Amino acid sequence: MTASETTDPVVVGLLGFLTRLTKAEHAPDEDLFAAGGLSSLMALELVVHVEREYGITVAGDELSLDNFRTAEAMARLVRRLRS
């Protein structure tokens, strides 16, 4: 699935932020860490963005790399923490 094919507003928002952060476009299911697309500093910026943008707190076990590996995984995390 490409970024233009997704209709999930959280995924779309996260992909927009990732594009600005990395200066590259990413697919919703792209493994951002395997592709070398994120540095550790960028990963920290991503966590802060998710918390501020979606009004959630990511702590403890939720800080797992698997929750931030793809835009789709981050969207699932946002929905889970908002419910």
Protein backbone atom coordinates (compact mmCIF):
# COMPACT_ATOMS: atom_id res chain seq x y z
CA MET A 1 0.00 0.00 0.00
CA THR A 2 1.30 3.45 -0.85
CA ALA A 3 0.84 6.64 1.12
CA SER A 4 -1.68 7.91 -1.43
CA GLU A 5 -3.82 4.77 -1.06
CA THR A 6 -4.40 5.01 2.70
CA THR A 7 -7.48 6.74 4.08
CA ASP A 8 -6.68 6.37 7.79
CA PRO A 9 -6.26 9.97 9.00
CA VAL A 10 -3.77 8.95 11.69
CA VAL A 11 -1.59 7.11 9.16
CA VAL A 12 -1.83 10.05 6.74
CA GLY A 13 -0.81 12.48 9.49
CA LEU A 14 2.09 10.31 10.61
CA LEU A 15 3.33 9.88 7.05
CA GLY A 16 3.25 13.65 6.58
CA PHE A 17 5.31 14.15 9.73
CA LEU A 18 7.75 11.41 8.69
CA THR A 19 8.20 13.02 5.28
CA ARG A 20 9.05 16.36 6.89
CA LEU A 21 11.33 14.69 9.44
CA THR A 22 13.29 12.47 7.04
CA LYS A 23 12.95 14.45 3.81
CA ALA A 24 11.72 11.25 2.13
CA GLU A 25 8.38 9.61 1.47
CA HIS A 26 7.47 6.37 3.23
CA ALA A 27 4.86 3.67 2.69
CA PRO A 28 2.41 2.97 5.54
CA ASP A 29 3.90 -0.50 6.06
CA GLU A 30 7.56 0.40 5.48
CA ASP A 31 9.91 -0.68 8.27
CA LEU A 32 11.44 2.68 9.10
CA PHE A 33 14.29 1.24 11.14
CA ALA A 34 15.27 -1.56 8.74
CA ALA A 35 15.40 0.91 5.89
CA GLY A 36 17.76 3.16 7.85
CA GLY A 37 15.22 5.93 7.58
CA LEU A 38 15.35 6.99 11.23
CA SER A 39 18.22 7.93 13.50
CA SER A 40 17.86 7.61 17.27
CA LEU A 41 17.27 11.38 17.52
CA MET A 42 14.55 11.18 14.87
CA ALA A 43 12.94 8.30 16.78
CA LEU A 44 12.79 10.47 19.89
CA GLU A 45 11.25 13.33 17.87
CA LEU A 46 8.68 10.87 16.56
CA VAL A 47 7.65 9.77 20.07
CA VAL A 48 7.27 13.40 21.18
CA HIS A 49 5.24 14.21 18.05
CA VAL A 50 2.89 11.24 18.58
CA GLU A 51 2.29 12.24 22.21
CA ARG A 52 1.63 15.91 21.43
CA GLU A 53 -0.32 15.47 18.21
CA TYR A 54 -2.62 12.75 19.50
CA GLY A 55 -2.85 13.69 23.19
CA ILE A 56 -1.46 10.44 24.51
CA THR A 57 1.38 9.36 26.78
CA VAL A 58 3.66 6.62 25.53
CA ALA A 59 5.41 4.98 28.48
CA GLY A 60 6.77 1.69 29.72
CA ASP A 61 6.15 -1.28 27.46
CA GLU A 62 4.45 0.96 24.87
CA LEU A 63 7.88 2.45 24.02
CA SER A 64 8.67 -0.79 22.20
CA LEU A 65 10.39 -0.41 18.86
CA ASP A 66 7.65 -2.54 17.31
CA ASN A 67 5.09 0.20 18.06
CA PHE A 68 7.12 2.68 15.99
CA ARG A 69 8.43 0.41 13.24
CA THR A 70 5.80 1.50 10.65
CA ALA A 71 3.22 4.27 10.30
CA GLU A 72 0.51 1.60 10.54
CA ALA A 73 1.97 0.30 13.83
CA MET A 74 2.05 3.84 15.22
CA ALA A 75 -1.57 4.39 14.21
CA ARG A 76 -2.57 1.19 16.03
CA LEU A 77 -0.70 2.44 19.11
CA VAL A 78 -2.48 5.81 18.94
CA ARG A 79 -5.90 4.16 18.66
CA ARG A 80 -5.12 1.75 21.51
CA LEU A 81 -3.94 4.52 23.86
CA ARG A 82 -6.86 6.81 22.98
CA SER A 83 -9.49 4.17 23.78
